[in-house]
Amino acid sequence: MEPKKRVQAVPLRGAGAVEAQAAPSGKVRRPINMNHYVTKKTAAQSMLDIAQLKTVLYVGPGYRFYIALIVLQVAVLHLL
């Protein structure tokens, strides 16, 4: 049985930096930056909402729920 390899902590620079873990292979594993994740997720949701609004506008007023969908999509975009 092979002995376990120790993980070495690597200090990061900058305010509020959290120590990253260096794997035995030498790669540094940093914790997930939740602020960056949330920002990317919000941007992706906004782009999807705009694409849905464009689709509804493209279909035109002949669609049964045209006004309701436009109102809901604009409300969602306004809340972001």
C-alpha atoms as a PDB file:
ATOM      1  CA  MET A   1       0.000   0.000   0.000  1.00  0.00           C
ATOM      2  CA  GLU A   2       1.347   3.391  -1.005  1.00  0.00           C
ATOM      3  CA  PRO A   3       1.572   6.137   1.642  1.00  0.00           C
ATOM      4  CA  LYS A   4      -0.698   9.153   1.156  1.00  0.00           C
ATOM      5  CA  LYS A   5       0.920  12.209  -0.354  1.00  0.00           C
ATOM      6  CA  ARG A   6       0.590  15.402   1.637  1.00  0.00           C
ATOM      7  CA  VAL A   7      -1.172  18.409   0.169  1.00  0.00           C
ATOM      8  CA  GLN A   8       0.819  21.608   0.460  1.00  0.00           C
ATOM      9  CA  ALA A   9      -0.890  24.983   1.109  1.00  0.00           C
ATOM     10  CA  VAL A  10       0.151  27.741  -1.287  1.00  0.00           C
ATOM     11  CA  PRO A  11      -0.408  31.324  -0.054  1.00  0.00           C
ATOM     12  CA  LEU A  12      -2.091  33.670  -2.526  1.00  0.00           C
ATOM     13  CA  ARG A  13      -1.505  37.367  -2.859  1.00  0.00           C
ATOM     14  CA  GLY A  14      -4.104  40.109  -2.582  1.00  0.00           C
ATOM     15  CA  ALA A  15      -6.676  41.267  -0.101  1.00  0.00           C
ATOM     16  CA  GLY A  16      -8.978  38.569   1.142  1.00  0.00           C
ATOM     17  CA  ALA A  17      -6.936  35.839  -0.512  1.00  0.00           C
ATOM     18  CA  VAL A  18      -7.624  32.326   0.607  1.00  0.00           C
ATOM     19  CA  GLU A  19      -4.927  29.705   0.644  1.00  0.00           C
ATOM     20  CA  ALA A  20      -5.081  27.395  -2.330  1.00  0.00           C
ATOM     21  CA  GLN A  21      -4.298  23.716  -2.131  1.00  0.00           C
ATOM     22  CA  ALA A  22      -1.431  22.351  -4.225  1.00  0.00           C
ATOM     23  CA  ALA A  23      -2.126  18.833  -5.392  1.00  0.00           C
ATOM     24  CA  PRO A  24       0.664  16.246  -5.492  1.00  0.00           C
ATOM     25  CA  SER A  25       0.809  16.754  -9.267  1.00  0.00           C
ATOM     26  CA  GLY A  26       1.837  20.372  -8.652  1.00  0.00           C
ATOM     27  CA  LYS A  27      -1.411  21.938  -9.870  1.00  0.00           C
ATOM     28  CA  VAL A  28      -2.929  24.568  -7.606  1.00  0.00           C
ATOM     29  CA  ARG A  29      -6.581  24.067  -6.676  1.00  0.00           C
ATOM     30  CA  ARG A  30      -8.285  27.317  -5.767  1.00  0.00           C
ATOM     31  CA  PRO A  31     -11.658  27.438  -4.026  1.00  0.00           C
ATOM     32  CA  ILE A  32     -14.635  28.513  -6.131  1.00  0.00           C
ATOM     33  CA  ASN A  33     -15.043  32.276  -6.242  1.00  0.00           C
ATOM     34  CA  MET A  34     -18.796  32.493  -5.585  1.00  0.00           C
ATOM     35  CA  ASN A  35     -18.964  36.160  -6.556  1.00  0.00           C
ATOM     36  CA  HIS A  36     -17.504  35.370  -9.998  1.00  0.00           C
ATOM     37  CA  TYR A  37     -19.862  32.391 -10.375  1.00  0.00           C
ATOM     38  CA  VAL A  38     -22.953  34.439  -9.481  1.00  0.00           C
ATOM     39  CA  THR A  39     -21.932  37.234 -11.851  1.00  0.00           C
ATOM     40  CA  LYS A  40     -21.529  34.814 -14.752  1.00  0.00           C
ATOM     41  CA  LYS A  41     -24.808  33.093 -13.921  1.00  0.00           C
ATOM     42  CA  THR A  42     -26.706  36.394 -13.797  1.00  0.00           C
ATOM     43  CA  ALA A  43     -25.224  37.508 -17.120  1.00  0.00           C
ATOM     44  CA  ALA A  44     -26.182  34.203 -18.733  1.00  0.00           C
ATOM     45  CA  GLN A  45     -29.737  34.446 -17.406  1.00  0.00           C
ATOM     46  CA  SER A  46     -30.047  38.000 -18.737  1.00  0.00           C
ATOM     47  CA  MET A  47     -28.883  36.923 -22.188  1.00  0.00           C
ATOM     48  CA  LEU A  48     -31.392  34.080 -22.162  1.00  0.00           C
ATOM     49  CA  ASP A  49     -34.200  36.454 -21.140  1.00  0.00           C
ATOM     50  CA  ILE A  50     -33.291  38.845 -23.962  1.00  0.00           C
ATOM     51  CA  ALA A  51     -33.236  35.947 -26.450  1.00  0.00           C
ATOM     52  CA  GLN A  52     -36.683  34.843 -25.278  1.00  0.00           C
ATOM     53  CA  LEU A  53     -38.025  38.392 -25.623  1.00  0.00           C
ATOM     54  CA  LYS A  54     -36.571  38.637 -29.138  1.00  0.00           C
ATOM     55  CA  THR A  55     -38.245  35.332 -30.034  1.00  0.00           C
ATOM     56  CA  VAL A  56     -41.630  36.531 -28.793  1.00  0.00           C
ATOM     57  CA  LEU A  57     -41.257  39.787 -30.730  1.00  0.00           C
ATOM     58  CA  TYR A  58     -40.254  37.824 -33.835  1.00  0.00           C
ATOM     59  CA  VAL A  59     -43.350  35.571 -33.621  1.00  0.00           C
ATOM     60  CA  GLY A  60     -45.537  38.651 -33.555  1.00  0.00           C
ATOM     61  CA  PRO A  61     -48.894  39.648 -32.115  1.00  0.00           C
ATOM     62  CA  GLY A  62     -50.645  36.680 -33.718  1.00  0.00           C
ATOM     63  CA  TYR A  63     -49.423  34.501 -30.840  1.00  0.00           C
ATOM     64  CA  ARG A  64     -52.071  33.827 -28.191  1.00  0.00           C
ATOM     65  CA  PHE A  65     -49.979  34.959 -25.189  1.00  0.00           C
ATOM     66  CA  TYR A  66     -48.027  37.709 -26.966  1.00  0.00           C
ATOM     67  CA  ILE A  67     -48.813  40.617 -24.605  1.00  0.00           C
ATOM     68  CA  ALA A  68     -48.548  38.497 -21.454  1.00  0.00           C
ATOM     69  CA  LEU A  69     -45.127  37.138 -22.457  1.00  0.00           C
ATOM     70  CA  ILE A  70     -43.801  40.587 -23.319  1.00  0.00           C
ATOM     71  CA  VAL A  71     -45.007  41.997 -20.001  1.00  0.00           C
ATOM     72  CA  LEU A  72     -43.471  39.093 -18.048  1.00  0.00           C
ATOM     73  CA  GLN A  73     -40.139  39.234 -19.906  1.00  0.00           C
ATOM     74  CA  VAL A  74     -39.833  42.994 -19.414  1.00  0.00           C
ATOM     75  CA  ALA A  75     -40.661  42.572 -15.715  1.00  0.00           C
ATOM     76  CA  VAL A  76     -37.973  39.896 -15.344  1.00  0.00           C
ATOM     77  CA  LEU A  77     -35.391  42.086 -17.090  1.00  0.00           C
ATOM     78  CA  HIS A  78     -36.381  45.038 -14.943  1.00  0.00           C
ATOM     79  CA  LEU A  79     -35.908  43.026 -11.727  1.00  0.00           C
ATOM     80  CA  LEU A  80     -32.370  42.036 -12.683  1.00  0.00           C
END
